[in-house]
Amino acid sequence: MKILIKGGRVMDPAGGFDQRCDLALADAKIVAIKDIGADFHPDRVIDASRCVVAPGLVDLSVRLREPGHEHARMLESEMAAAVAGGVTSLVCPPDTDPVLDEPGLVEMLKFRSQKLHQARVYPLGALTRGLAGEVLTEMVALTGAGCVGFGQAEKPLGNTQVLLRAMQYASTFGYTVWLRAQDRDLGAGVVASGPLATRMGLAGIPVAAETIAIHTIVELVRATGARVHLCRLSSADGLELVRQAKAEGLPLTCDVSINSLHLIDLDIGYFDSRAHLQPPLRQQRDRDAIRLALADGTVDALVSDHNPVDEDAKTLPFAESEPGATGVELLLGLSLKWAAASGVALQRALAVISCEPARVLGASGLLQPGAGRLMVGGAADLCLFDPARGWSVTADSLRSQGKHTPFSGYELPATVVCTIVDGRLAFEA
């Protein structure tokens, strides 16, 4: 299908391109930007005069709940939510049911997602069998099945010897290890340590749970040379350790979630389980440090940390409820909201949800060429959004089956008008 996108503000953050012009798509690729040949005859013309034409968003943390929830058709609903939010490529963590520790399970997820013709799915394989932290998985076989890296999701490795061996193995083959920096024992609480946790009588998770884990990981990176991506950092002290490690030249990247970027522990309010999240919401000092680190490049990517929790698991007493919130449809709006509040340029706001996460994924060698970019010859994965058309976050406005979010009632800037994946219209408002 040939598509001509006319008159949009075309922005490619990776290349610094920002012009109002036309863009042509054919054979699942971008064939022309600005200078469209007279011999190009489109099957569809899209008027983008009120839109920003951006690369399709790349989200590094989206739980699809499959395998495990096939009966509820979770894959279909969450993939539909992704493209409705402008996301064209997403990473699925390995803590499914069953865990993504066998090639057959990875191949099944890839096959089922490809049949939907929506966002591209890049699974993370389990670092250890069953995420139990004892026996390493067959990383070579899992990579062959389509895994872009290996991690433990929310199951921190308590055995440092196993983590060392896993990083040695990954380093040998050039794989990336994705780790959430949290000490297994110190991270057993439900909210961030501080006055709020004490007042509410809830078990706290100290900042040391994150910094101790980062110290360990950094030392193992030095020892093994393994490439590590730190997922969803939440503290100012943790970010400072990453800043120092990057200055040293260590192969380390990191991301933060939309929740930690905008919210603090006080947003829990009166035991609001919608704000029961992992990592926990921390104090304003930490949120301010996250905003600064995302702006200055210490943090590589912003993620939605999408985790659709059902009604029964969420509407429980705070400490008993399942942590997590829906977010994939909010990623674009919350990135732009952060940029507007912090005086950050639109190019940077788009970079942290497109080309920068694509760069993290690119180390796997499995990323679609041109993902996160607008370039001639690159993949025709695009997001068109109207920056002047805001919307309100409500249960009815979300396509995800997960209706619980701490951002319920927020007014967000920018509405996705259409999402194009592999040269096809995957979503149109």
Protein backbone atom coordinates (compact mmCIF):
# COMPACT_ATOMS: atom_id res chain seq x y z
CA MET A 1 0.00 0.00 0.00
CA LYS A 2 1.26 3.45 -0.95
CA ILE A 3 0.48 6.25 1.49
CA LEU A 4 1.14 9.97 1.13
CA ILE A 5 1.17 12.00 4.34
CA LYS A 6 0.65 15.64 3.41
CA GLY A 7 1.55 18.84 5.20
CA GLY A 8 2.53 17.49 8.61
CA ARG A 9 5.26 18.73 10.92
CA VAL A 10 7.74 15.92 10.31
CA MET A 11 10.09 15.37 13.26
CA ASP A 12 12.98 12.92 13.43
CA PRO A 13 14.68 13.45 16.83
CA ALA A 14 17.62 11.22 15.96
CA GLY A 15 18.56 13.32 12.96
CA GLY A 16 17.35 16.68 14.25
CA PHE A 17 14.94 17.00 11.31
CA ASP A 18 11.95 19.28 11.95
CA GLN A 19 10.12 20.62 8.92
CA ARG A 20 6.58 20.91 7.64
CA CYS A 21 6.57 18.73 4.54
CA ASP A 22 5.15 15.63 2.86
CA LEU A 23 6.23 12.05 3.44
CA ALA A 24 5.70 9.01 1.18
CA LEU A 25 5.41 5.35 2.17
CA ALA A 26 5.52 2.27 -0.05
CA ASP A 27 6.39 -1.40 0.39
CA ALA A 28 6.49 -1.00 4.18
CA LYS A 29 9.27 1.62 3.95
CA ILE A 30 9.65 5.38 3.89
CA VAL A 31 10.50 6.12 0.27
CA ALA A 32 10.63 9.92 0.34
CA ILE A 33 10.65 12.84 2.77
CA LYS A 34 9.97 16.38 1.54
CA ASP A 35 10.80 15.79 -2.13
CA ILE A 36 8.03 13.53 -3.42
CA GLY A 37 8.45 12.49 -7.02
CA ALA A 38 5.71 13.19 -9.55
CA ASP A 39 5.61 9.49 -10.36
CA PHE A 40 4.46 8.57 -6.83
CA HIS A 41 0.76 7.65 -6.99
CA PRO A 42 -0.63 6.91 -3.52
CA ASP A 43 -3.49 4.58 -2.66
CA ARG A 44 -4.25 6.74 0.37
CA VAL A 45 -3.62 10.39 1.18
CA ILE A 46 -3.58 11.49 4.83
CA ASP A 47 -4.04 15.16 5.64
CA ALA A 48 -1.55 15.81 8.46
CA SER A 49 -1.72 19.61 8.39
CA ARG A 50 -2.69 19.74 12.08
CA CYS A 51 -0.39 16.91 13.13
CA VAL A 52 3.13 16.15 14.19
CA VAL A 53 4.47 13.22 12.17
CA ALA A 54 6.84 11.37 14.47
CA PRO A 55 8.58 8.00 14.52
CA GLY A 56 6.47 5.22 15.99
CA LEU A 57 7.00 5.10 19.74
CA VAL A 58 9.24 2.40 21.24
CA ASP A 59 8.18 1.23 24.72
CA LEU A 60 10.66 -0.89 26.68
CA SER A 61 8.21 -2.24 29.29
CA VAL A 62 4.77 -3.49 28.27
CA ARG A 63 3.16 -6.53 29.87
CA LEU A 64 0.77 -8.25 27.46
CA ARG A 65 -0.36 -10.93 29.96
CA GLU A 66 0.27 -13.70 27.43
CA PRO A 67 1.06 -16.48 27.61
CA GLY A 68 -1.28 -16.93 30.55
CA HIS A 69 -4.48 -14.98 29.84
CA GLU A 70 -5.49 -16.29 26.42
CA HIS A 71 -9.05 -16.88 27.68
CA ALA A 72 -9.44 -13.13 28.25
CA ARG A 73 -7.97 -12.20 24.85
CA MET A 74 -5.46 -9.99 26.62
CA LEU A 75 -2.99 -9.97 23.73
CA GLU A 76 -5.58 -8.51 21.39
CA SER A 77 -6.69 -5.78 23.79
CA GLU A 78 -3.23 -4.73 24.94
CA MET A 79 -1.83 -4.63 21.40
CA ALA A 80 -4.82 -2.49 20.38
CA ALA A 81 -4.05 -0.20 23.33
CA ALA A 82 -0.42 0.05 22.24
CA VAL A 83 -1.14 1.26 18.71
CA ALA A 84 -3.86 3.58 20.02
CA GLY A 85 -1.09 5.19 22.05
CA GLY A 86 1.21 5.50 19.03
CA VAL A 87 3.48 2.63 20.11
CA THR A 88 4.80 0.61 17.17
CA SER A 89 7.50 -1.44 18.94
CA LEU A 90 7.37 -2.83 22.48
CA VAL A 91 9.36 -5.04 24.80
CA CYS A 92 7.52 -7.71 26.76
CA PRO A 93 9.11 -8.75 30.11
CA PRO A 94 9.52 -12.49 30.78
CA ASP A 95 7.25 -12.81 33.86
CA THR A 96 4.34 -14.31 31.95
CA ASP A 97 2.54 -17.51 32.99
CA PRO A 98 4.34 -19.71 32.07
CA VAL A 99 7.61 -17.77 32.18
CA LEU A 100 9.39 -17.03 28.88
CA ASP A 101 12.21 -19.50 29.51
CA GLU A 102 11.59 -21.90 26.59
CA PRO A 103 12.03 -21.11 22.87
CA GLY A 104 8.60 -22.55 22.04
CA LEU A 105 6.83 -20.07 24.30
CA VAL A 106 8.73 -17.15 22.75
CA GLU A 107 7.93 -18.36 19.23
CA MET A 108 4.25 -18.71 20.13
CA LEU A 109 4.11 -15.15 21.49
CA LYS A 110 5.86 -13.79 18.40
CA PHE A 111 3.56 -15.75 16.06
CA ARG A 112 0.35 -14.68 17.79
CA SER A 113 1.40 -11.03 17.95
CA GLN A 114 2.44 -10.97 14.28
CA LYS A 115 -0.96 -12.32 13.22
CA LEU A 116 -2.59 -9.23 14.73
CA HIS A 117 -0.64 -6.88 12.41
CA GLN A 118 -0.28 -4.25 15.10
CA ALA A 119 2.80 -3.28 17.13
CA ARG A 120 6.05 -5.21 16.82
CA VAL A 121 6.71 -7.34 19.91
CA TYR A 122 10.25 -7.93 21.20
CA PRO A 123 10.23 -10.46 24.06
CA LEU A 124 12.73 -10.54 26.88
CA GLY A 125 13.79 -14.05 27.83
CA ALA A 126 14.09 -15.20 31.43
CA LEU A 127 17.64 -15.02 32.76
CA THR A 128 17.06 -18.08 34.97
CA ARG A 129 14.60 -20.95 34.61
CA GLY A 130 11.25 -20.04 36.02
CA LEU A 131 12.83 -16.78 37.23
CA ALA A 132 13.83 -18.84 40.27
CA GLY A 133 17.39 -17.46 40.32
CA GLU A 134 19.08 -20.85 40.32
CA VAL A 135 19.72 -22.30 36.84
CA LEU A 136 20.57 -20.21 33.76
CA THR A 137 18.34 -20.48 30.70
CA GLU A 138 19.55 -21.49 27.25
CA MET A 139 20.18 -17.93 26.09
CA VAL A 140 21.41 -18.93 22.63
CA ALA A 141 18.24 -20.87 21.88
CA LEU A 142 16.03 -18.10 23.27
CA THR A 143 17.82 -15.51 21.14
CA GLY A 144 17.22 -17.69 18.10
CA ALA A 145 13.51 -17.68 18.98
CA GLY A 146 13.48 -13.85 19.03
CA CYS A 147 14.49 -12.64 22.50
CA VAL A 148 16.26 -9.26 22.54
CA GLY A 149 17.78 -9.69 25.99
CA PHE A 150 17.40 -11.47 29.30
CA GLY A 151 16.10 -10.41 32.67
CA GLN A 152 14.40 -11.34 35.91
CA ALA A 153 11.46 -8.89 35.70
CA GLU A 154 10.39 -8.31 39.34
CA LYS A 155 12.31 -11.32 40.70
CA PRO A 156 15.71 -9.98 41.84
CA LEU A 157 18.57 -12.45 41.94
CA GLY A 158 19.60 -13.05 45.53
CA ASN A 159 22.56 -15.23 44.57
CA THR A 160 25.36 -12.98 43.34
CA GLN A 161 27.30 -15.99 42.05
CA VAL A 162 24.45 -16.88 39.71
CA LEU A 163 24.26 -13.26 38.52
CA LEU A 164 28.00 -13.25 37.85
CA ARG A 165 27.74 -16.42 35.76
CA ALA A 166 24.75 -15.05 33.89
CA MET A 167 26.62 -11.86 33.02
CA GLN A 168 29.71 -13.81 31.97
CA TYR A 169 27.55 -15.96 29.69
CA ALA A 170 25.77 -12.91 28.24
CA SER A 171 29.06 -11.09 27.70
CA THR A 172 30.48 -14.02 25.76
CA PHE A 173 27.67 -13.84 23.21
CA GLY A 174 27.07 -10.08 23.28
CA TYR A 175 23.62 -10.28 24.88
CA THR A 176 22.12 -7.52 27.01
CA VAL A 177 21.06 -8.27 30.59
CA TRP A 178 17.99 -6.29 31.72
CA LEU A 179 17.84 -5.87 35.48
CA ARG A 180 15.59 -4.07 37.91
CA ALA A 181 18.00 -2.77 40.54
CA GLN A 182 16.44 -3.89 43.79
CA ASP A 183 17.95 -5.88 46.62
CA ARG A 184 15.85 -8.99 47.23
CA ASP A 185 15.58 -8.60 51.00
CA LEU A 186 15.45 -4.81 51.36
CA GLY A 187 12.89 -4.59 48.56
CA ALA A 188 10.24 -6.66 50.33
CA GLY A 189 8.01 -3.70 51.26
CA VAL A 190 5.10 -2.07 49.44
CA VAL A 191 5.85 1.70 49.52
CA ALA A 192 8.94 3.88 49.67
CA SER A 193 10.45 4.30 53.12
CA GLY A 194 9.74 7.69 54.65
CA PRO A 195 7.26 9.63 56.77
CA LEU A 196 4.28 8.50 54.64
CA ALA A 197 5.10 4.80 55.05
CA THR A 198 5.47 5.28 58.80
CA ARG A 199 2.22 7.23 59.11
CA MET A 200 0.28 4.66 57.06
CA GLY A 201 1.82 1.69 58.83
CA LEU A 202 3.05 0.13 55.57
CA ALA A 203 6.32 -1.76 55.06
CA GLY A 204 8.85 0.56 53.45
CA ILE A 205 11.42 0.01 50.70
CA PRO A 206 14.53 2.15 51.39
CA VAL A 207 16.54 3.85 48.66
CA ALA A 208 19.38 1.53 49.72
CA ALA A 209 17.45 -1.36 48.15
CA GLU A 210 18.15 0.27 44.78
CA THR A 211 21.65 1.66 45.40
CA ILE A 212 23.05 -1.56 46.88
CA ALA A 213 21.81 -3.46 43.83
CA ILE A 214 23.33 -0.86 41.48
CA HIS A 215 26.68 -1.05 43.27
CA THR A 216 26.68 -4.84 42.81
CA ILE A 217 25.66 -4.67 39.16
CA VAL A 218 28.28 -2.02 38.34
CA GLU A 219 31.03 -4.11 39.95
CA LEU A 220 29.95 -7.14 37.93
CA VAL A 221 29.86 -5.06 34.74
CA ARG A 222 33.46 -4.05 35.43
CA ALA A 223 34.41 -7.68 36.02
CA THR A 224 32.60 -9.21 33.02
CA GLY A 225 32.22 -6.43 30.45
CA ALA A 226 28.56 -7.42 30.10
CA ARG A 227 26.12 -4.92 28.65
CA VAL A 228 23.37 -4.12 31.18
CA HIS A 229 20.14 -2.17 30.93
CA LEU A 230 18.75 -0.98 34.28
CA CYS A 231 14.96 -0.92 34.29
CA ARG A 232 12.79 1.72 35.98
CA LEU A 233 15.17 3.48 38.31
CA SER A 234 13.36 5.40 41.02
CA SER A 235 15.80 7.34 43.23
CA ALA A 236 18.09 10.35 43.01
CA ASP A 237 20.94 8.39 44.61
CA GLY A 238 20.54 5.55 42.14
CA LEU A 239 20.66 7.94 39.21
CA GLU A 240 23.87 9.50 40.53
CA LEU A 241 25.52 6.05 40.60
CA VAL A 242 24.46 5.47 37.00
CA ARG A 243 25.77 8.89 36.01
CA GLN A 244 29.18 8.00 37.47
CA ALA A 245 29.21 4.58 35.80
CA LYS A 246 28.41 6.11 32.42
CA ALA A 247 31.15 8.72 32.88
CA GLU A 248 33.51 5.81 33.43
CA GLY A 249 32.49 4.39 30.05
CA LEU A 250 30.77 1.26 31.31
CA PRO A 251 28.24 -0.36 28.91
CA LEU A 252 25.21 0.68 30.95
CA THR A 253 21.85 2.11 29.91
CA CYS A 254 18.73 2.78 31.94
CA ASP A 255 15.10 3.84 31.85
CA VAL A 256 12.49 5.35 34.17
CA SER A 257 8.71 4.95 34.21
CA ILE A 258 6.02 7.53 33.56
CA ASN A 259 4.84 6.92 37.13
CA SER A 260 8.13 7.94 38.77
CA LEU A 261 8.49 10.87 36.37
CA HIS A 262 5.25 12.50 37.48
CA LEU A 263 4.17 11.15 40.87
CA ILE A 264 5.50 11.01 44.44
CA ASP A 265 4.57 8.95 47.48
CA LEU A 266 2.04 11.56 48.64
CA ASP A 267 -0.02 10.71 45.53
CA ILE A 268 -0.93 7.44 47.24
CA GLY A 269 -3.44 9.53 49.15
CA TYR A 270 -5.68 7.51 51.42
CA PHE A 271 -4.44 3.99 50.60
CA ASP A 272 -5.23 4.34 46.87
CA SER A 273 -4.24 0.96 45.42
CA ARG A 274 -4.01 2.48 41.93
CA ALA A 275 -0.73 3.99 43.18
CA HIS A 276 0.57 0.63 44.43
CA LEU A 277 3.47 0.31 42.01
CA GLN A 278 6.85 -1.35 41.61
CA PRO A 279 9.20 0.44 41.93
CA PRO A 280 7.38 2.43 44.60
CA LEU A 281 6.68 6.13 44.25
CA ARG A 282 9.37 8.06 46.12
CA GLN A 283 9.77 11.59 47.45
CA GLN A 284 9.75 14.86 45.48
CA ARG A 285 13.56 15.02 45.59
CA ASP A 286 13.70 11.76 43.67
CA ARG A 287 11.07 12.82 41.15
CA ASP A 288 12.91 16.07 40.46
CA ALA A 289 16.18 14.16 39.96
CA ILE A 290 14.46 11.80 37.52
CA ARG A 291 13.12 14.72 35.48
CA LEU A 292 16.55 16.30 35.29
CA ALA A 293 18.32 13.03 34.43
CA LEU A 294 15.86 12.31 31.63
CA ALA A 295 16.44 15.78 30.20
CA ASP A 296 20.26 15.67 30.38
CA GLY A 297 20.62 12.17 28.91
CA THR A 298 21.66 10.27 32.03
CA VAL A 299 18.42 8.32 31.58
CA ASP A 300 18.15 6.83 28.12
CA ALA A 301 14.44 6.09 27.84
CA LEU A 302 11.01 6.70 29.30
CA VAL A 303 8.73 3.65 29.57
CA SER A 304 5.04 3.18 30.28
CA ASP A 305 5.61 0.21 32.63
CA HIS A 306 2.25 -1.01 31.35
CA ASN A 307 0.83 -3.71 33.62
CA PRO A 308 -2.94 -4.27 33.23
CA VAL A 309 -4.18 -5.49 36.62
CA ASP A 310 -7.73 -6.82 36.81
CA GLU A 311 -10.44 -5.51 39.09
CA ASP A 312 -10.28 -8.32 41.64
CA ALA A 313 -6.51 -8.01 42.14
CA LYS A 314 -6.55 -4.22 42.42
CA THR A 315 -9.57 -3.52 44.61
CA LEU A 316 -8.03 -4.96 47.76
CA PRO A 317 -6.41 -3.34 50.82
CA PHE A 318 -3.33 -1.47 49.62
CA ALA A 319 -0.68 -3.93 50.84
CA GLU A 320 -2.63 -6.92 49.50
CA SER A 321 -3.39 -5.48 46.07
CA GLU A 322 -1.34 -6.39 43.03
CA PRO A 323 1.18 -3.68 42.08
CA GLY A 324 0.94 -2.24 38.60
CA ALA A 325 -1.02 0.15 36.40
CA THR A 326 -2.04 0.56 32.82
CA GLY A 327 0.14 3.04 30.93
CA VAL A 328 0.91 2.27 27.29
CA GLU A 329 -1.78 4.67 26.04
CA LEU A 330 -0.44 7.42 28.31
CA LEU A 331 3.21 7.32 27.26
CA LEU A 332 3.07 10.05 24.61
CA GLY A 333 0.88 12.43 26.60
CA LEU A 334 2.90 12.09 29.80
CA SER A 335 6.19 12.60 27.96
CA LEU A 336 4.85 15.81 26.42
CA LYS A 337 3.41 16.90 29.78
CA TRP A 338 6.84 16.45 31.39
CA ALA A 339 8.49 18.44 28.60
CA ALA A 340 6.05 21.32 28.93
CA ALA A 341 6.44 21.47 32.72
CA SER A 342 10.24 21.21 32.62
CA GLY A 343 10.98 23.45 29.64
CA VAL A 344 12.31 20.53 27.61
CA ALA A 345 12.26 20.72 23.81
CA LEU A 346 9.72 18.65 21.88
CA GLN A 347 12.61 16.88 20.11
CA ARG A 348 13.88 15.51 23.44
CA ALA A 349 10.39 14.56 24.61
CA LEU A 350 9.99 12.44 21.47
CA ALA A 351 13.56 11.11 21.55
CA VAL A 352 13.14 9.40 24.94
CA ILE A 353 10.15 7.44 23.62
CA SER A 354 11.44 6.71 20.10
CA CYS A 355 15.07 6.82 18.95
CA GLU A 356 16.68 6.50 22.39
CA PRO A 357 14.84 3.30 23.41
CA ALA A 358 15.42 2.03 19.86
CA ARG A 359 19.16 2.55 20.43
CA VAL A 360 18.94 0.42 23.58
CA LEU A 361 17.16 -2.31 21.62
CA GLY A 362 19.47 -1.99 18.65
CA ALA A 363 22.29 -3.70 20.55
CA SER A 364 20.39 -6.98 20.14
CA GLY A 365 20.71 -6.88 16.36
CA LEU A 366 17.05 -7.92 16.08
CA LEU A 367 15.42 -4.49 15.86
CA GLN A 368 13.66 -3.56 12.64
CA PRO A 369 15.98 -1.28 10.59
CA GLY A 370 14.96 2.34 10.99
CA ALA A 371 12.80 1.77 14.08
CA GLY A 372 12.51 4.93 16.15
CA ARG A 373 13.58 7.02 13.15
CA LEU A 374 12.12 8.77 10.15
CA MET A 375 14.57 8.10 7.36
CA VAL A 376 14.36 7.19 3.69
CA GLY A 377 14.67 3.43 3.42
CA GLY A 378 13.71 2.90 7.06
CA ALA A 379 10.70 1.02 8.36
CA ALA A 380 7.36 2.74 7.81
CA ASP A 381 6.49 2.86 11.52
CA LEU A 382 4.96 6.24 12.35
CA CYS A 383 2.81 8.03 14.88
CA LEU A 384 0.71 11.03 13.86
CA PHE A 385 -0.65 13.11 16.72
CA ASP A 386 -2.54 16.37 17.09
CA PRO A 387 -0.67 18.44 19.72
CA ALA A 388 -3.58 20.85 20.14
CA ARG A 389 -6.14 18.18 20.96
CA GLY A 390 -6.03 17.05 24.59
CA TRP A 391 -7.96 14.26 26.25
CA SER A 392 -9.01 13.11 29.70
CA VAL A 393 -7.84 9.81 31.21
CA THR A 394 -10.91 7.79 32.17
CA ALA A 395 -11.74 4.08 32.25
CA ASP A 396 -13.90 4.54 29.15
CA SER A 397 -11.12 6.28 27.21
CA LEU A 398 -8.69 3.37 27.69
CA ARG A 399 -8.66 0.42 25.30
CA SER A 400 -6.57 -1.69 27.65
CA GLN A 401 -8.41 -4.21 29.83
CA GLY A 402 -6.48 -2.70 32.72
CA LYS A 403 -8.55 0.31 33.78
CA HIS A 404 -6.54 1.19 36.90
CA THR A 405 -4.07 4.05 36.70
CA PRO A 406 -2.94 6.72 39.19
CA PHE A 407 -3.41 9.21 36.34
CA SER A 408 -7.18 8.74 36.25
CA GLY A 409 -8.79 12.14 35.72
CA TYR A 410 -5.61 13.75 34.33
CA GLU A 411 -5.87 16.00 31.29
CA LEU A 412 -3.18 15.00 28.80
CA PRO A 413 -1.92 16.93 25.77
CA ALA A 414 -1.92 15.46 22.27
CA THR A 415 -4.22 12.85 20.76
CA VAL A 416 -2.91 10.12 18.48
CA VAL A 417 -4.65 10.50 15.13
CA CYS A 418 -3.22 7.43 13.45
CA THR A 419 -0.49 4.85 13.88
CA ILE A 420 1.23 3.17 10.96
CA VAL A 421 3.13 -0.09 11.43
CA ASP A 422 5.05 -1.74 8.60
CA GLY A 423 3.37 0.58 6.11
CA ARG A 424 -0.18 -0.35 7.24
CA LEU A 425 -2.71 1.67 9.21
CA ALA A 426 -2.78 -0.11 12.56
CA PHE A 427 -4.91 2.57 14.26
CA GLU A 428 -6.97 5.50 13.09
CA ALA A 429 -8.99 7.74 15.41
